[in-house]
Amino acid sequence: MEPLDRSTIWPYRDGEPGEFYYQRYAHPTGVEAERALGKLEGGEALLFPSGSAAITALVLAELAPGQTVALAEGAYYGTGALFTSLERWGLRFVEFDQTGPPAAGADLVWLEAPSNPFLTMPDLEAAAAHPGRVVVDSTAATPVYLRPLEHGADYVVHSATKYLGGHHDLLLGAVVCRDADSAARLREFRGRTGIVATPDSAWLLLRSLKTLRPRLERQTETASDLAARLQRLDAVETVRYPGFGGLLSFDVRGDARRVETSLNLIANATSLGGVDTVLESRSRWEGGRVPDNLLRLSVGLEDADELWSDLEQAIANA
């Protein structure tokens, strides 16, 4: 593994600051992790303390008061909640169906590939034709299954806490920029505001990126299997799965909370993207925005038959 450097300061060289001089602006472990992620995405990566921090920094650095974000309808509820919080500072946002063209007049187009928890995929070609700059939250796809910069996006956003980290043991966000000028502007904003990722989280990300592809391929294989089995189950109304990745959602004919409390192997917990499978009812967080009987399943690395056995018996109790 690459060395972990927790230093907050580094001596000047011949009386002048070198590449590293104060951790708030850059540190060796973070720069190495950014290089690794940037190579995977085909752009210039910057790390932040969480996915929400990455979104906040990007929006504040990119937009001025009074400008508008066109936000993918059904995207992660926390993104819309954050934009609502920023309305008092002059941010405007409108939601649109990301399977079609973005809303006219928007200064920034915000897509999610796939959306969470509805698993829709955006029309990347229509978004790229829009005059506004384009952001793709590719948390659930990862660069294993999608490289948005190759499809016309200007920025890629990740909650690296999820699949990029993959072990439920780090909190981290990332923005990958298409061009150097955008990266420089965002890097300056990050340093001034102190929205900086720690060396420890960056070091754990470096560890996780080494296994990203085999983890995602195994999770995809198992999730595809479980989605097919769920579709054949009379007790399940709807199954949503984009055909890749470890994230899916489904609606049960019954009480979703009873499914949660009947699990044995699968953890009833929030978040997603780890090596351990987790399931939760999203209505506890999102209210009427999602069906009361919607369950989100993040598939880990356990045996598919063992996961199915647990799911089947829990659904039977709904």
C-alpha atoms as a PDB file:
ATOM      1  CA  MET A   1       0.000   0.000   0.000  1.00  0.00           C
ATOM      2  CA  GLU A   2       0.941   3.612  -0.532  1.00  0.00           C
ATOM      3  CA  PRO A   3       2.215   5.355   2.618  1.00  0.00           C
ATOM      4  CA  LEU A   4      -0.250   7.229   4.853  1.00  0.00           C
ATOM      5  CA  ASP A   5       0.976  10.755   5.584  1.00  0.00           C
ATOM      6  CA  ARG A   6      -1.046  12.522   8.291  1.00  0.00           C
ATOM      7  CA  SER A   7       1.155  15.634   8.368  1.00  0.00           C
ATOM      8  CA  THR A   8      -0.631  18.983   8.476  1.00  0.00           C
ATOM      9  CA  ILE A   9       2.464  21.005   7.498  1.00  0.00           C
ATOM     10  CA  TRP A  10       5.582  20.486   5.382  1.00  0.00           C
ATOM     11  CA  PRO A  11       8.756  22.639   5.488  1.00  0.00           C
ATOM     12  CA  TYR A  12       9.340  25.240   2.790  1.00  0.00           C
ATOM     13  CA  ARG A  13      12.081  24.559   0.268  1.00  0.00           C
ATOM     14  CA  ASP A  14      14.685  27.306  -0.058  1.00  0.00           C
ATOM     15  CA  GLY A  15      12.270  29.684   1.600  1.00  0.00           C
ATOM     16  CA  GLU A  16       9.314  28.875  -0.705  1.00  0.00           C
ATOM     17  CA  PRO A  17       6.295  26.547  -0.305  1.00  0.00           C
ATOM     18  CA  GLY A  18       6.607  23.273  -2.192  1.00  0.00           C
ATOM     19  CA  GLU A  19       3.859  21.049  -3.599  1.00  0.00           C
ATOM     20  CA  PHE A  20       2.710  20.365  -0.039  1.00  0.00           C
ATOM     21  CA  TYR A  21       2.864  22.930   2.726  1.00  0.00           C
ATOM     22  CA  TYR A  22      -0.518  22.880   4.556  1.00  0.00           C
ATOM     23  CA  GLN A  23      -2.988  19.988   4.590  1.00  0.00           C
ATOM     24  CA  ARG A  24      -6.025  22.181   3.896  1.00  0.00           C
ATOM     25  CA  TYR A  25      -4.780  22.765   0.348  1.00  0.00           C
ATOM     26  CA  ALA A  26      -3.307  19.358  -0.487  1.00  0.00           C
ATOM     27  CA  HIS A  27      -1.638  16.332   1.079  1.00  0.00           C
ATOM     28  CA  PRO A  28       0.344  13.454  -0.484  1.00  0.00           C
ATOM     29  CA  THR A  29      -2.152  10.686   0.290  1.00  0.00           C
ATOM     30  CA  GLY A  30      -5.060  12.693  -1.082  1.00  0.00           C
ATOM     31  CA  VAL A  31      -3.215  13.627  -4.257  1.00  0.00           C
ATOM     32  CA  GLU A  32      -2.335   9.983  -4.900  1.00  0.00           C
ATOM     33  CA  ALA A  33      -5.953   8.903  -4.403  1.00  0.00           C
ATOM     34  CA  GLU A  34      -7.132  11.690  -6.704  1.00  0.00           C
ATOM     35  CA  ARG A  35      -4.699  10.539  -9.393  1.00  0.00           C
ATOM     36  CA  ALA A  36      -5.990   6.972  -9.138  1.00  0.00           C
ATOM     37  CA  LEU A  37      -9.662   7.987  -9.358  1.00  0.00           C
ATOM     38  CA  GLY A  38      -8.991  10.517 -12.104  1.00  0.00           C
ATOM     39  CA  LYS A  39      -7.332   7.842 -14.193  1.00  0.00           C
ATOM     40  CA  LEU A  40     -10.382   5.582 -13.814  1.00  0.00           C
ATOM     41  CA  GLU A  41     -12.820   8.356 -14.818  1.00  0.00           C
ATOM     42  CA  GLY A  42     -10.673  10.029 -17.462  1.00  0.00           C
ATOM     43  CA  GLY A  43     -10.570  13.445 -15.772  1.00  0.00           C
ATOM     44  CA  GLU A  44      -9.098  15.420 -12.878  1.00  0.00           C
ATOM     45  CA  ALA A  45     -10.439  14.261  -9.507  1.00  0.00           C
ATOM     46  CA  LEU A  46     -10.809  16.182  -6.246  1.00  0.00           C
ATOM     47  CA  LEU A  47     -11.732  14.596  -2.914  1.00  0.00           C
ATOM     48  CA  PHE A  48     -14.110  15.973  -0.269  1.00  0.00           C
ATOM     49  CA  PRO A  49     -15.115  14.810   3.236  1.00  0.00           C
ATOM     50  CA  SER A  50     -18.419  13.304   1.996  1.00  0.00           C
ATOM     51  CA  GLY A  51     -20.634  13.048  -1.049  1.00  0.00           C
ATOM     52  CA  SER A  52     -22.800  15.891   0.253  1.00  0.00           C
ATOM     53  CA  ALA A  53     -19.695  18.033   0.758  1.00  0.00           C
ATOM     54  CA  ALA A  54     -18.665  17.368  -2.849  1.00  0.00           C
ATOM     55  CA  ILE A  55     -22.116  18.407  -4.105  1.00  0.00           C
ATOM     56  CA  THR A  56     -22.114  21.543  -1.952  1.00  0.00           C
ATOM     57  CA  ALA A  57     -18.660  22.623  -3.092  1.00  0.00           C
ATOM     58  CA  LEU A  58     -19.422  22.017  -6.757  1.00  0.00           C
ATOM     59  CA  VAL A  59     -22.713  23.943  -6.731  1.00  0.00           C
ATOM     60  CA  LEU A  60     -21.297  26.912  -4.796  1.00  0.00           C
ATOM     61  CA  ALA A  61     -18.176  27.075  -6.945  1.00  0.00           C
ATOM     62  CA  GLU A  62     -20.053  26.674 -10.237  1.00  0.00           C
ATOM     63  CA  LEU A  63     -23.154  28.855  -9.777  1.00  0.00           C
ATOM     64  CA  ALA A  64     -24.028  32.407  -8.788  1.00  0.00           C
ATOM     65  CA  PRO A  65     -27.160  33.497  -6.855  1.00  0.00           C
ATOM     66  CA  GLY A  66     -30.214  33.370  -9.087  1.00  0.00           C
ATOM     67  CA  GLN A  67     -28.935  30.604 -11.348  1.00  0.00           C
ATOM     68  CA  THR A  68     -30.855  27.357 -11.784  1.00  0.00           C
ATOM     69  CA  VAL A  69     -30.105  23.634 -11.529  1.00  0.00           C
ATOM     70  CA  ALA A  70     -32.194  21.158 -13.523  1.00  0.00           C
ATOM     71  CA  LEU A  71     -32.262  18.172 -11.158  1.00  0.00           C
ATOM     72  CA  ALA A  72     -33.124  14.635 -12.247  1.00  0.00           C
ATOM     73  CA  GLU A  73     -36.515  13.664 -10.877  1.00  0.00           C
ATOM     74  CA  GLY A  74     -36.264  10.712  -8.489  1.00  0.00           C
ATOM     75  CA  ALA A  75     -32.569  11.227  -7.802  1.00  0.00           C
ATOM     76  CA  TYR A  76     -31.128  10.755  -4.317  1.00  0.00           C
ATOM     77  CA  TYR A  77     -33.444  12.670  -1.983  1.00  0.00           C
ATOM     78  CA  GLY A  78     -30.523  14.224  -0.114  1.00  0.00           C
ATOM     79  CA  THR A  79     -29.465  16.154  -3.215  1.00  0.00           C
ATOM     80  CA  GLY A  80     -32.839  17.851  -3.514  1.00  0.00           C
ATOM     81  CA  ALA A  81     -32.914  18.485   0.239  1.00  0.00           C
ATOM     82  CA  LEU A  82     -29.491  20.130   0.011  1.00  0.00           C
ATOM     83  CA  PHE A  83     -30.575  22.310  -2.908  1.00  0.00           C
ATOM     84  CA  THR A  84     -33.641  23.348  -0.903  1.00  0.00           C
ATOM     85  CA  SER A  85     -31.354  24.406   1.953  1.00  0.00           C
ATOM     86  CA  LEU A  86     -29.312  26.501  -0.474  1.00  0.00           C
ATOM     87  CA  GLU A  87     -32.359  28.348  -1.810  1.00  0.00           C
ATOM     88  CA  ARG A  88     -31.912  31.001   0.884  1.00  0.00           C
ATOM     89  CA  TRP A  89     -28.561  31.817  -0.781  1.00  0.00           C
ATOM     90  CA  GLY A  90     -30.232  32.274  -4.164  1.00  0.00           C
ATOM     91  CA  LEU A  91     -29.981  28.804  -5.676  1.00  0.00           C
ATOM     92  CA  ARG A  92     -32.914  27.738  -7.794  1.00  0.00           C
ATOM     93  CA  PHE A  93     -33.705  24.224  -8.946  1.00  0.00           C
ATOM     94  CA  VAL A  94     -36.376  22.462 -10.983  1.00  0.00           C
ATOM     95  CA  GLU A  95     -36.896  18.737 -11.364  1.00  0.00           C
ATOM     96  CA  PHE A  96     -37.239  17.009 -14.730  1.00  0.00           C
ATOM     97  CA  ASP A  97     -37.554  13.504 -16.149  1.00  0.00           C
ATOM     98  CA  GLN A  98     -33.944  12.561 -16.869  1.00  0.00           C
ATOM     99  CA  THR A  99     -34.956   9.973 -19.463  1.00  0.00           C
ATOM    100  CA  GLY A 100     -35.691  12.969 -21.716  1.00  0.00           C
ATOM    101  CA  PRO A 101     -34.178  16.405 -22.380  1.00  0.00           C
ATOM    102  CA  PRO A 102     -33.399  18.727 -19.437  1.00  0.00           C
ATOM    103  CA  ALA A 103     -35.509  21.754 -18.579  1.00  0.00           C
ATOM    104  CA  ALA A 104     -34.803  24.764 -20.804  1.00  0.00           C
ATOM    105  CA  GLY A 105     -33.018  27.710 -19.255  1.00  0.00           C
ATOM    106  CA  ALA A 106     -31.087  25.749 -16.634  1.00  0.00           C
ATOM    107  CA  ASP A 107     -27.497  26.776 -15.969  1.00  0.00           C
ATOM    108  CA  LEU A 108     -26.489  23.365 -14.598  1.00  0.00           C
ATOM    109  CA  VAL A 109     -27.970  19.954 -15.466  1.00  0.00           C
ATOM    110  CA  TRP A 110     -27.779  17.401 -12.652  1.00  0.00           C
ATOM    111  CA  LEU A 111     -28.209  13.740 -13.647  1.00  0.00           C
ATOM    112  CA  GLU A 112     -27.930  10.508 -11.675  1.00  0.00           C
ATOM    113  CA  ALA A 113     -26.831   7.237 -13.264  1.00  0.00           C
ATOM    114  CA  PRO A 114     -28.751   5.292 -12.171  1.00  0.00           C
ATOM    115  CA  SER A 115     -31.114   7.246  -9.931  1.00  0.00           C
ATOM    116  CA  ASN A 116     -31.504   6.195  -6.310  1.00  0.00           C
ATOM    117  CA  PRO A 117     -33.845   4.460  -5.469  1.00  0.00           C
ATOM    118  CA  PHE A 118     -35.818   4.400  -8.747  1.00  0.00           C
ATOM    119  CA  LEU A 119     -32.878   3.185 -10.888  1.00  0.00           C
ATOM    120  CA  THR A 120     -33.696   5.219 -14.012  1.00  0.00           C
ATOM    121  CA  MET A 121     -30.877   6.001 -16.430  1.00  0.00           C
ATOM    122  CA  PRO A 122     -30.436   9.496 -17.915  1.00  0.00           C
ATOM    123  CA  ASP A 123     -30.497  10.451 -21.568  1.00  0.00           C
ATOM    124  CA  LEU A 124     -26.844  11.511 -21.689  1.00  0.00           C
ATOM    125  CA  GLU A 125     -27.032  12.568 -25.329  1.00  0.00           C
ATOM    126  CA  ALA A 126     -29.934  14.944 -24.663  1.00  0.00           C
ATOM    127  CA  ALA A 127     -28.145  16.381 -21.643  1.00  0.00           C
ATOM    128  CA  ALA A 128     -24.927  16.954 -23.583  1.00  0.00           C
ATOM    129  CA  ALA A 129     -26.903  18.912 -26.197  1.00  0.00           C
ATOM    130  CA  HIS A 130     -28.200  21.289 -23.489  1.00  0.00           C
ATOM    131  CA  PRO A 131     -26.332  24.621 -23.251  1.00  0.00           C
ATOM    132  CA  GLY A 132     -25.842  24.260 -19.479  1.00  0.00           C
ATOM    133  CA  ARG A 133     -22.926  22.418 -17.939  1.00  0.00           C
ATOM    134  CA  VAL A 134     -23.691  18.788 -17.064  1.00  0.00           C
ATOM    135  CA  VAL A 135     -23.065  16.917 -13.813  1.00  0.00           C
ATOM    136  CA  VAL A 136     -23.569  13.156 -13.524  1.00  0.00           C
ATOM    137  CA  ASP A 137     -23.800  11.570 -10.096  1.00  0.00           C
ATOM    138  CA  SER A 138     -22.326   8.191 -10.999  1.00  0.00           C
ATOM    139  CA  THR A 139     -22.172   6.797  -7.469  1.00  0.00           C
ATOM    140  CA  ALA A 140     -24.082   3.608  -8.292  1.00  0.00           C
ATOM    141  CA  ALA A 141     -22.560   3.007 -11.742  1.00  0.00           C
ATOM    142  CA  THR A 142     -18.909   3.738 -10.865  1.00  0.00           C
ATOM    143  CA  PRO A 143     -16.329   3.983 -13.687  1.00  0.00           C
ATOM    144  CA  VAL A 144     -16.599   0.205 -14.036  1.00  0.00           C
ATOM    145  CA  TYR A 145     -19.949   0.633 -15.838  1.00  0.00           C
ATOM    146  CA  LEU A 146     -20.023   4.282 -16.928  1.00  0.00           C
ATOM    147  CA  ARG A 147     -17.510   7.060 -17.641  1.00  0.00           C
ATOM    148  CA  PRO A 148     -19.769  10.110 -18.009  1.00  0.00           C
ATOM    149  CA  LEU A 149     -17.022  12.442 -19.237  1.00  0.00           C
ATOM    150  CA  GLU A 150     -16.854  10.303 -22.384  1.00  0.00           C
ATOM    151  CA  HIS A 151     -20.557  11.055 -22.970  1.00  0.00           C
ATOM    152  CA  GLY A 152     -20.329  14.830 -22.785  1.00  0.00           C
ATOM    153  CA  ALA A 153     -20.569  15.464 -19.035  1.00  0.00           C
ATOM    154  CA  ASP A 154     -18.495  18.265 -17.535  1.00  0.00           C
ATOM    155  CA  TYR A 155     -18.362  16.808 -14.023  1.00  0.00           C
ATOM    156  CA  VAL A 156     -18.767  13.408 -12.372  1.00  0.00           C
ATOM    157  CA  VAL A 157     -19.808  13.231  -8.725  1.00  0.00           C
ATOM    158  CA  HIS A 158     -19.378  10.275  -6.379  1.00  0.00           C
ATOM    159  CA  SER A 159     -20.364   9.534  -2.850  1.00  0.00           C
ATOM    160  CA  ALA A 160     -17.134   7.558  -2.480  1.00  0.00           C
ATOM    161  CA  THR A 161     -18.505   6.288   0.825  1.00  0.00           C
ATOM    162  CA  LYS A 162     -20.487   3.832  -1.306  1.00  0.00           C
ATOM    163  CA  TYR A 163     -19.053   1.597  -4.052  1.00  0.00           C
ATOM    164  CA  LEU A 164     -15.703   3.310  -4.482  1.00  0.00           C
ATOM    165  CA  GLY A 165     -14.990   2.798  -0.764  1.00  0.00           C
ATOM    166  CA  GLY A 166     -16.942  -0.425  -0.669  1.00  0.00           C
ATOM    167  CA  HIS A 167     -16.438  -1.515   2.948  1.00  0.00           C
ATOM    168  CA  HIS A 168     -18.642   0.771   5.071  1.00  0.00           C
ATOM    169  CA  ASP A 169     -15.522   2.146   6.751  1.00  0.00           C
ATOM    170  CA  LEU A 170     -14.857   5.519   5.129  1.00  0.00           C
ATOM    171  CA  LEU A 171     -16.763   8.762   4.524  1.00  0.00           C
ATOM    172  CA  LEU A 172     -15.681  10.504   1.333  1.00  0.00           C
ATOM    173  CA  GLY A 173     -16.914  12.381  -1.732  1.00  0.00           C
ATOM    174  CA  ALA A 174     -15.368  13.161  -5.102  1.00  0.00           C
ATOM    175  CA  VAL A 175     -15.798  15.436  -8.100  1.00  0.00           C
ATOM    176  CA  VAL A 176     -14.043  14.554 -11.355  1.00  0.00           C
ATOM    177  CA  CYS A 177     -13.655  17.477 -13.771  1.00  0.00           C
ATOM    178  CA  ARG A 178     -13.416  17.351 -17.549  1.00  0.00           C
ATOM    179  CA  ASP A 179     -11.074  20.342 -17.900  1.00  0.00           C
ATOM    180  CA  ALA A 180      -8.166  21.740 -15.925  1.00  0.00           C
ATOM    181  CA  ASP A 181      -9.648  25.224 -15.486  1.00  0.00           C
ATOM    182  CA  SER A 182     -12.748  23.847 -13.770  1.00  0.00           C
ATOM    183  CA  ALA A 183     -10.606  21.678 -11.523  1.00  0.00           C
ATOM    184  CA  ALA A 184      -8.409  24.628 -10.576  1.00  0.00           C
ATOM    185  CA  ARG A 185     -11.444  26.770  -9.720  1.00  0.00           C
ATOM    186  CA  LEU A 186     -12.948  24.021  -7.584  1.00  0.00           C
ATOM    187  CA  ARG A 187      -9.609  23.253  -5.908  1.00  0.00           C
ATOM    188  CA  GLU A 188      -9.203  26.909  -4.908  1.00  0.00           C
ATOM    189  CA  PHE A 189     -12.740  26.987  -3.506  1.00  0.00           C
ATOM    190  CA  ARG A 190     -12.081  23.775  -1.573  1.00  0.00           C
ATOM    191  CA  GLY A 191      -8.946  25.176   0.008  1.00  0.00           C
ATOM    192  CA  ARG A 192     -10.533  28.500   0.922  1.00  0.00           C
ATOM    193  CA  THR A 193     -13.576  26.885   2.511  1.00  0.00           C
ATOM    194  CA  GLY A 194     -11.710  23.987   4.146  1.00  0.00           C
ATOM    195  CA  ILE A 195     -13.988  21.312   2.666  1.00  0.00           C
ATOM    196  CA  VAL A 196     -11.068  18.890   2.622  1.00  0.00           C
ATOM    197  CA  ALA A 197     -10.894  15.091   2.850  1.00  0.00           C
ATOM    198  CA  THR A 198      -8.651  13.537   5.480  1.00  0.00           C
ATOM    199  CA  PRO A 199      -5.527  11.501   4.642  1.00  0.00           C
ATOM    200  CA  ASP A 200      -6.983   8.449   6.392  1.00  0.00           C
ATOM    201  CA  SER A 201     -10.087   8.391   4.170  1.00  0.00           C
ATOM    202  CA  ALA A 202      -7.979   8.952   1.063  1.00  0.00           C
ATOM    203  CA  TRP A 203      -5.702   6.072   2.060  1.00  0.00           C
ATOM    204  CA  LEU A 204      -8.689   3.763   2.524  1.00  0.00           C
ATOM    205  CA  LEU A 205      -9.973   4.794  -0.905  1.00  0.00           C
ATOM    206  CA  LEU A 206      -6.643   3.816  -2.463  1.00  0.00           C
ATOM    207  CA  ARG A 207      -7.014   0.406  -0.837  1.00  0.00           C
ATOM    208  CA  SER A 208     -10.569   0.007  -2.143  1.00  0.00           C
ATOM    209  CA  LEU A 209      -9.937   1.067  -5.730  1.00  0.00           C
ATOM    210  CA  LYS A 210      -7.622  -1.937  -6.120  1.00  0.00           C
ATOM    211  CA  THR A 211     -10.632  -4.270  -5.795  1.00  0.00           C
ATOM    212  CA  LEU A 212     -13.329  -2.083  -7.385  1.00  0.00           C
ATOM    213  CA  ARG A 213     -13.833  -4.067 -10.586  1.00  0.00           C
ATOM    214  CA  PRO A 214     -13.997  -7.586  -9.079  1.00  0.00           C
ATOM    215  CA  ARG A 215     -16.301  -6.326  -6.317  1.00  0.00           C
ATOM    216  CA  LEU A 216     -18.675  -4.664  -8.795  1.00  0.00           C
ATOM    217  CA  GLU A 217     -18.677  -7.617 -11.158  1.00  0.00           C
ATOM    218  CA  ARG A 218     -19.537 -10.018  -8.324  1.00  0.00           C
ATOM    219  CA  GLN A 219     -22.237  -7.673  -7.006  1.00  0.00           C
ATOM    220  CA  THR A 220     -23.701  -7.330 -10.495  1.00  0.00           C
ATOM    221  CA  GLU A 221     -23.852 -11.077 -10.963  1.00  0.00           C
ATOM    222  CA  THR A 222     -25.639 -11.586  -7.649  1.00  0.00           C
ATOM    223  CA  ALA A 223     -27.968  -8.584  -8.010  1.00  0.00           C
ATOM    224  CA  SER A 224     -29.014  -9.731 -11.497  1.00  0.00           C
ATOM    225  CA  ASP A 225     -29.828 -13.149 -10.082  1.00  0.00           C
ATOM    226  CA  LEU A 226     -31.830 -11.742  -7.170  1.00  0.00           C
ATOM    227  CA  ALA A 227     -33.712  -9.276  -9.389  1.00  0.00           C
ATOM    228  CA  ALA A 228     -34.797 -12.132 -11.666  1.00  0.00           C
ATOM    229  CA  ARG A 229     -35.968 -14.212  -8.691  1.00  0.00           C
ATOM    230  CA  LEU A 230     -37.858 -11.265  -7.191  1.00  0.00           C
ATOM    231  CA  GLN A 231     -39.686 -10.701 -10.478  1.00  0.00           C
ATOM    232  CA  ARG A 232     -41.041 -14.242 -10.271  1.00  0.00           C
ATOM    233  CA  LEU A 233     -42.326 -13.796  -6.721  1.00  0.00           C
ATOM    234  CA  ASP A 234     -46.080 -13.142  -6.378  1.00  0.00           C
ATOM    235  CA  ALA A 235     -45.495 -11.189  -3.169  1.00  0.00           C
ATOM    236  CA  VAL A 236     -43.472  -8.561  -5.088  1.00  0.00           C
ATOM    237  CA  GLU A 237     -45.246  -5.908  -7.175  1.00  0.00           C
ATOM    238  CA  THR A 238     -42.388  -4.095  -8.906  1.00  0.00           C
ATOM    239  CA  VAL A 239     -38.658  -4.710  -9.346  1.00  0.00           C
ATOM    240  CA  ARG A 240     -36.301  -1.930 -10.459  1.00  0.00           C
ATOM    241  CA  TYR A 241     -32.839  -2.871 -11.692  1.00  0.00           C
ATOM    242  CA  PRO A 242     -30.811  -1.188 -14.461  1.00  0.00           C
ATOM    243  CA  GLY A 243     -29.000  -4.387 -15.488  1.00  0.00           C
ATOM    244  CA  PHE A 244     -25.673  -3.627 -13.810  1.00  0.00           C
ATOM    245  CA  GLY A 245     -24.322  -2.809 -10.377  1.00  0.00           C
ATOM    246  CA  GLY A 246     -25.341  -3.996  -6.950  1.00  0.00           C
ATOM    247  CA  LEU A 247     -28.296  -1.680  -6.295  1.00  0.00           C
ATOM    248  CA  LEU A 248     -31.955  -2.552  -6.843  1.00  0.00           C
ATOM    249  CA  SER A 249     -35.321  -1.721  -5.335  1.00  0.00           C
ATOM    250  CA  PHE A 250     -38.638  -3.521  -5.188  1.00  0.00           C
ATOM    251  CA  ASP A 251     -42.177  -3.027  -3.860  1.00  0.00           C
ATOM    252  CA  VAL A 252     -43.716  -5.750  -1.733  1.00  0.00           C
ATOM    253  CA  ARG A 253     -47.400  -6.616  -1.476  1.00  0.00           C
ATOM    254  CA  GLY A 254     -47.531  -5.988   2.240  1.00  0.00           C
ATOM    255  CA  ASP A 255     -45.700  -4.259   5.071  1.00  0.00           C
ATOM    256  CA  ALA A 256     -42.157  -3.289   4.134  1.00  0.00           C
ATOM    257  CA  ARG A 257     -41.238  -2.748   7.785  1.00  0.00           C
ATOM    258  CA  ARG A 258     -42.079  -6.368   8.572  1.00  0.00           C
ATOM    259  CA  VAL A 259     -39.677  -7.466   5.848  1.00  0.00           C
ATOM    260  CA  GLU A 260     -36.947  -5.366   7.473  1.00  0.00           C
ATOM    261  CA  THR A 261     -37.479  -6.861  10.920  1.00  0.00           C
ATOM    262  CA  SER A 262     -37.602 -10.444   9.631  1.00  0.00           C
ATOM    263  CA  LEU A 263     -34.108 -10.490   8.131  1.00  0.00           C
ATOM    264  CA  ASN A 264     -31.392 -12.778   9.476  1.00  0.00           C
ATOM    265  CA  LEU A 265     -28.361 -12.565   7.183  1.00  0.00           C
ATOM    266  CA  ILE A 266     -29.064  -9.233   5.487  1.00  0.00           C
ATOM    267  CA  ALA A 267     -28.516  -6.159   7.659  1.00  0.00           C
ATOM    268  CA  ASN A 268     -31.396  -3.715   8.087  1.00  0.00           C
ATOM    269  CA  ALA A 269     -29.305  -0.573   7.625  1.00  0.00           C
ATOM    270  CA  THR A 270     -28.943   2.523   5.474  1.00  0.00           C
ATOM    271  CA  SER A 271     -26.315   3.390   2.852  1.00  0.00           C
ATOM    272  CA  LEU A 272     -25.172   1.122   0.050  1.00  0.00           C
ATOM    273  CA  GLY A 273     -22.216  -0.149  -1.925  1.00  0.00           C
ATOM    274  CA  GLY A 274     -20.450  -2.248   0.695  1.00  0.00           C
ATOM    275  CA  VAL A 275     -19.319  -5.851   0.717  1.00  0.00           C
ATOM    276  CA  ASP A 276     -22.134  -6.639   3.173  1.00  0.00           C
ATOM    277  CA  THR A 277     -25.717  -6.692   1.900  1.00  0.00           C
ATOM    278  CA  VAL A 278     -28.110  -4.147   3.409  1.00  0.00           C
ATOM    279  CA  LEU A 279     -31.824  -3.506   2.936  1.00  0.00           C
ATOM    280  CA  GLU A 280     -34.127  -0.762   4.131  1.00  0.00           C
ATOM    281  CA  SER A 281     -37.519   0.826   3.597  1.00  0.00           C
ATOM    282  CA  ARG A 282     -36.873   4.228   2.016  1.00  0.00           C
ATOM    283  CA  SER A 283     -40.182   5.766   3.124  1.00  0.00           C
ATOM    284  CA  ARG A 284     -38.739   6.338   6.628  1.00  0.00           C
ATOM    285  CA  TRP A 285     -36.403   8.929   5.095  1.00  0.00           C
ATOM    286  CA  GLU A 286     -38.180  10.076   1.954  1.00  0.00           C
ATOM    287  CA  GLY A 287     -41.830  10.006   3.044  1.00  0.00           C
ATOM    288  CA  GLY A 288     -44.419  10.192   0.290  1.00  0.00           C
ATOM    289  CA  ARG A 289     -41.746  10.720  -2.359  1.00  0.00           C
ATOM    290  CA  VAL A 290     -41.482   6.928  -2.606  1.00  0.00           C
ATOM    291  CA  PRO A 291     -44.075   4.144  -2.205  1.00  0.00           C
ATOM    292  CA  ASP A 292     -44.582   2.993   1.394  1.00  0.00           C
ATOM    293  CA  ASN A 293     -43.790  -0.565   0.333  1.00  0.00           C
ATOM    294  CA  LEU A 294     -40.530   0.237  -1.504  1.00  0.00           C
ATOM    295  CA  LEU A 295     -37.429  -1.557  -0.248  1.00  0.00           C
ATOM    296  CA  ARG A 296     -33.914  -0.710  -1.405  1.00  0.00           C
ATOM    297  CA  LEU A 297     -31.440  -3.571  -1.555  1.00  0.00           C
ATOM    298  CA  SER A 298     -27.677  -3.076  -1.810  1.00  0.00           C
ATOM    299  CA  VAL A 299     -26.116  -6.420  -2.670  1.00  0.00           C
ATOM    300  CA  GLY A 300     -22.771  -7.363  -1.150  1.00  0.00           C
ATOM    301  CA  LEU A 301     -20.455 -10.304  -1.702  1.00  0.00           C
ATOM    302  CA  GLU A 302     -22.338 -13.038   0.142  1.00  0.00           C
ATOM    303  CA  ASP A 303     -23.532 -16.228  -1.536  1.00  0.00           C
ATOM    304  CA  ALA A 304     -26.534 -15.547  -3.786  1.00  0.00           C
ATOM    305  CA  ASP A 305     -28.527 -18.566  -2.585  1.00  0.00           C
ATOM    306  CA  GLU A 306     -28.036 -17.586   1.048  1.00  0.00           C
ATOM    307  CA  LEU A 307     -29.183 -14.045   0.329  1.00  0.00           C
ATOM    308  CA  TRP A 308     -32.223 -15.320  -1.546  1.00  0.00           C
ATOM    309  CA  SER A 309     -33.166 -17.651   1.283  1.00  0.00           C
ATOM    310  CA  ASP A 310     -33.143 -14.723   3.705  1.00  0.00           C
ATOM    311  CA  LEU A 311     -35.063 -12.437   1.354  1.00  0.00           C
ATOM    312  CA  GLU A 312     -37.693 -15.042   0.535  1.00  0.00           C
ATOM    313  CA  GLN A 313     -38.508 -15.847   4.158  1.00  0.00           C
ATOM    314  CA  ALA A 314     -38.583 -12.144   5.122  1.00  0.00           C
ATOM    315  CA  ILE A 315     -40.921 -11.243   2.253  1.00  0.00           C
ATOM    316  CA  ALA A 316     -43.199 -14.110   3.268  1.00  0.00           C
ATOM    317  CA  ASN A 317     -43.709 -12.321   6.596  1.00  0.00           C
ATOM    318  CA  ALA A 318     -44.883  -9.108   4.911  1.00  0.00           C
END
